[in-house]
Amino acid sequence: MSATEPPQSPQDLLRVRMESLRRRFRARAADDLGAMKAGWASGERDDLRERAHRLAGVAATFGYPAIGEAAKLLDDLINQGANAEDTDAAAERLFDLLGHIAASPP
């Protein structure tokens, strides 16, 4: 900060920090998408469920409630041992949502 710049308010600092965390979330979402698709294709449900569980917990914090809801549904379906048709549909929905934020500019 230069001598001519006013000090930042706590709200400004928080906004800047949250935007930084949101960018990191989006970058990680792109990584998660690739790993989740690979896990789904190979039948590896544990890593997929863990990633969905994590996304369900944090997505809304960064402004993506639909991703959080889709991730929670997939997590729940895998935990319940739901049929393949239901879990496939939930996975595709989550993958689609993640793909949109992964493809959008920062």
C-alpha atoms as a PDB file:
ATOM      1  CA  MET A   1       0.000   0.000   0.000  1.00  0.00           C
ATOM      2  CA  SER A   2       1.367   3.403  -0.928  1.00  0.00           C
ATOM      3  CA  ALA A   3       1.193   6.439   1.299  1.00  0.00           C
ATOM      4  CA  THR A   4      -1.558   7.915  -0.886  1.00  0.00           C
ATOM      5  CA  GLU A   5      -3.857   4.872  -0.730  1.00  0.00           C
ATOM      6  CA  PRO A   6      -6.423   4.840   2.043  1.00  0.00           C
ATOM      7  CA  PRO A   7      -6.322   1.831   4.340  1.00  0.00           C
ATOM      8  CA  GLN A   8      -8.705  -0.921   3.345  1.00  0.00           C
ATOM      9  CA  SER A   9     -11.721  -1.513   5.511  1.00  0.00           C
ATOM     10  CA  PRO A  10     -12.242  -4.927   7.096  1.00  0.00           C
ATOM     11  CA  GLN A  11     -15.125  -5.451   4.645  1.00  0.00           C
ATOM     12  CA  ASP A  12     -12.853  -4.712   1.682  1.00  0.00           C
ATOM     13  CA  LEU A  13     -10.230  -7.119   2.986  1.00  0.00           C
ATOM     14  CA  LEU A  14     -12.864  -9.800   3.514  1.00  0.00           C
ATOM     15  CA  ARG A  15     -14.291  -9.280   0.014  1.00  0.00           C
ATOM     16  CA  VAL A  16     -10.828  -9.582  -1.537  1.00  0.00           C
ATOM     17  CA  ARG A  17     -10.072 -12.716   0.486  1.00  0.00           C
ATOM     18  CA  MET A  18     -13.412 -14.334  -0.388  1.00  0.00           C
ATOM     19  CA  GLU A  19     -12.871 -13.627  -4.077  1.00  0.00           C
ATOM     20  CA  SER A  20      -9.460 -15.274  -3.861  1.00  0.00           C
ATOM     21  CA  LEU A  21     -10.991 -18.315  -2.164  1.00  0.00           C
ATOM     22  CA  ARG A  22     -13.775 -18.408  -4.758  1.00  0.00           C
ATOM     23  CA  ARG A  23     -11.195 -18.479  -7.578  1.00  0.00           C
ATOM     24  CA  ARG A  24      -9.402 -21.356  -5.818  1.00  0.00           C
ATOM     25  CA  PHE A  25     -12.717 -23.182  -5.426  1.00  0.00           C
ATOM     26  CA  ARG A  26     -13.391 -22.833  -9.148  1.00  0.00           C
ATOM     27  CA  ALA A  27      -9.919 -24.103 -10.055  1.00  0.00           C
ATOM     28  CA  ARG A  28     -10.298 -27.054  -7.714  1.00  0.00           C
ATOM     29  CA  ALA A  29     -13.756 -27.760  -9.131  1.00  0.00           C
ATOM     30  CA  ALA A  30     -12.143 -28.257 -12.530  1.00  0.00           C
ATOM     31  CA  ASP A  31      -9.674 -30.727 -11.005  1.00  0.00           C
ATOM     32  CA  ASP A  32     -12.481 -32.466  -9.113  1.00  0.00           C
ATOM     33  CA  LEU A  33     -14.532 -32.775 -12.277  1.00  0.00           C
ATOM     34  CA  GLY A  34     -11.790 -34.695 -14.069  1.00  0.00           C
ATOM     35  CA  ALA A  35     -11.111 -36.953 -11.103  1.00  0.00           C
ATOM     36  CA  MET A  36     -14.799 -37.577 -10.474  1.00  0.00           C
ATOM     37  CA  LYS A  37     -15.499 -38.480 -14.099  1.00  0.00           C
ATOM     38  CA  ALA A  38     -12.547 -40.867 -14.116  1.00  0.00           C
ATOM     39  CA  GLY A  39     -13.694 -42.445 -10.852  1.00  0.00           C
ATOM     40  CA  TRP A  40     -17.237 -42.800 -12.110  1.00  0.00           C
ATOM     41  CA  ALA A  41     -16.084 -44.418 -15.344  1.00  0.00           C
ATOM     42  CA  SER A  42     -13.869 -46.893 -13.477  1.00  0.00           C
ATOM     43  CA  GLY A  43     -16.463 -47.689 -10.834  1.00  0.00           C
ATOM     44  CA  GLU A  44     -14.413 -46.093  -8.032  1.00  0.00           C
ATOM     45  CA  ARG A  45     -17.179 -44.747  -5.830  1.00  0.00           C
ATOM     46  CA  ASP A  46     -15.248 -43.980  -2.610  1.00  0.00           C
ATOM     47  CA  ASP A  47     -13.227 -41.068  -3.985  1.00  0.00           C
ATOM     48  CA  LEU A  48     -16.254 -39.826  -5.903  1.00  0.00           C
ATOM     49  CA  ARG A  49     -18.385 -39.874  -2.755  1.00  0.00           C
ATOM     50  CA  GLU A  50     -15.687 -38.109  -0.720  1.00  0.00           C
ATOM     51  CA  ARG A  51     -15.327 -35.355  -3.308  1.00  0.00           C
ATOM     52  CA  ALA A  52     -19.098 -34.975  -3.573  1.00  0.00           C
ATOM     53  CA  HIS A  53     -19.350 -34.814   0.217  1.00  0.00           C
ATOM     54  CA  ARG A  54     -16.716 -32.057   0.368  1.00  0.00           C
ATOM     55  CA  LEU A  55     -18.394 -30.115  -2.424  1.00  0.00           C
ATOM     56  CA  ALA A  56     -21.759 -30.437  -0.691  1.00  0.00           C
ATOM     57  CA  GLY A  57     -20.267 -28.756   2.350  1.00  0.00           C
ATOM     58  CA  VAL A  58     -18.509 -25.819   0.720  1.00  0.00           C
ATOM     59  CA  ALA A  59     -20.106 -24.998  -2.636  1.00  0.00           C
ATOM     60  CA  ALA A  60     -22.820 -22.683  -1.278  1.00  0.00           C
ATOM     61  CA  THR A  61     -20.216 -20.757   0.725  1.00  0.00           C
ATOM     62  CA  PHE A  62     -18.624 -19.693  -2.548  1.00  0.00           C
ATOM     63  CA  GLY A  63     -21.887 -18.877  -4.304  1.00  0.00           C
ATOM     64  CA  TYR A  64     -22.740 -22.209  -5.898  1.00  0.00           C
ATOM     65  CA  PRO A  65     -25.734 -23.618  -4.006  1.00  0.00           C
ATOM     66  CA  ALA A  66     -26.888 -25.752  -6.953  1.00  0.00           C
ATOM     67  CA  ILE A  67     -23.528 -27.542  -6.952  1.00  0.00           C
ATOM     68  CA  GLY A  68     -23.839 -28.109  -3.217  1.00  0.00           C
ATOM     69  CA  GLU A  69     -27.319 -29.583  -3.612  1.00  0.00           C
ATOM     70  CA  ALA A  70     -26.289 -31.801  -6.529  1.00  0.00           C
ATOM     71  CA  ALA A  71     -23.207 -32.989  -4.646  1.00  0.00           C
ATOM     72  CA  LYS A  72     -25.257 -33.773  -1.535  1.00  0.00           C
ATOM     73  CA  LEU A  73     -27.733 -35.778  -3.573  1.00  0.00           C
ATOM     74  CA  LEU A  74     -24.940 -37.822  -5.167  1.00  0.00           C
ATOM     75  CA  ASP A  75     -23.250 -38.353  -1.799  1.00  0.00           C
ATOM     76  CA  ASP A  76     -26.548 -39.508  -0.279  1.00  0.00           C
ATOM     77  CA  LEU A  77     -27.358 -41.829  -3.177  1.00  0.00           C
ATOM     78  CA  ILE A  78     -23.946 -43.492  -3.055  1.00  0.00           C
ATOM     79  CA  ASN A  79     -24.198 -43.882   0.734  1.00  0.00           C
ATOM     80  CA  GLN A  80     -27.655 -45.465   0.375  1.00  0.00           C
ATOM     81  CA  GLY A  81     -26.530 -47.869  -2.345  1.00  0.00           C
ATOM     82  CA  ALA A  82     -29.133 -46.445  -4.728  1.00  0.00           C
ATOM     83  CA  ASN A  83     -29.681 -47.959  -8.153  1.00  0.00           C
ATOM     84  CA  ALA A  84     -27.379 -47.120 -11.047  1.00  0.00           C
ATOM     85  CA  GLU A  85     -30.000 -45.120 -12.925  1.00  0.00           C
ATOM     86  CA  ASP A  86     -30.475 -42.684 -10.033  1.00  0.00           C
ATOM     87  CA  THR A  87     -26.777 -42.340  -9.235  1.00  0.00           C
ATOM     88  CA  ASP A  88     -25.870 -41.937 -12.914  1.00  0.00           C
ATOM     89  CA  ALA A  89     -28.392 -39.111 -13.278  1.00  0.00           C
ATOM     90  CA  ALA A  90     -27.137 -37.401 -10.114  1.00  0.00           C
ATOM     91  CA  ALA A  91     -23.513 -37.747 -11.211  1.00  0.00           C
ATOM     92  CA  GLU A  92     -24.250 -36.330 -14.652  1.00  0.00           C
ATOM     93  CA  ARG A  93     -26.063 -33.359 -13.099  1.00  0.00           C
ATOM     94  CA  LEU A  94     -23.113 -32.620 -10.814  1.00  0.00           C
ATOM     95  CA  PHE A  95     -20.621 -33.051 -13.655  1.00  0.00           C
ATOM     96  CA  ASP A  96     -22.625 -30.649 -15.803  1.00  0.00           C
ATOM     97  CA  LEU A  97     -22.699 -27.987 -13.081  1.00  0.00           C
ATOM     98  CA  LEU A  98     -18.980 -28.372 -12.376  1.00  0.00           C
ATOM     99  CA  GLY A  99     -18.246 -28.180 -16.082  1.00  0.00           C
ATOM    100  CA  HIS A 100     -19.998 -24.824 -16.328  1.00  0.00           C
ATOM    101  CA  ILE A 101     -17.933 -23.186 -13.612  1.00  0.00           C
ATOM    102  CA  ALA A 102     -14.735 -24.882 -14.758  1.00  0.00           C
ATOM    103  CA  ALA A 103     -15.249 -23.505 -18.289  1.00  0.00           C
ATOM    104  CA  SER A 104     -16.173 -19.972 -17.282  1.00  0.00           C
ATOM    105  CA  PRO A 105     -13.504 -17.300 -16.990  1.00  0.00           C
ATOM    106  CA  PRO A 106     -12.191 -16.469 -13.512  1.00  0.00           C
END
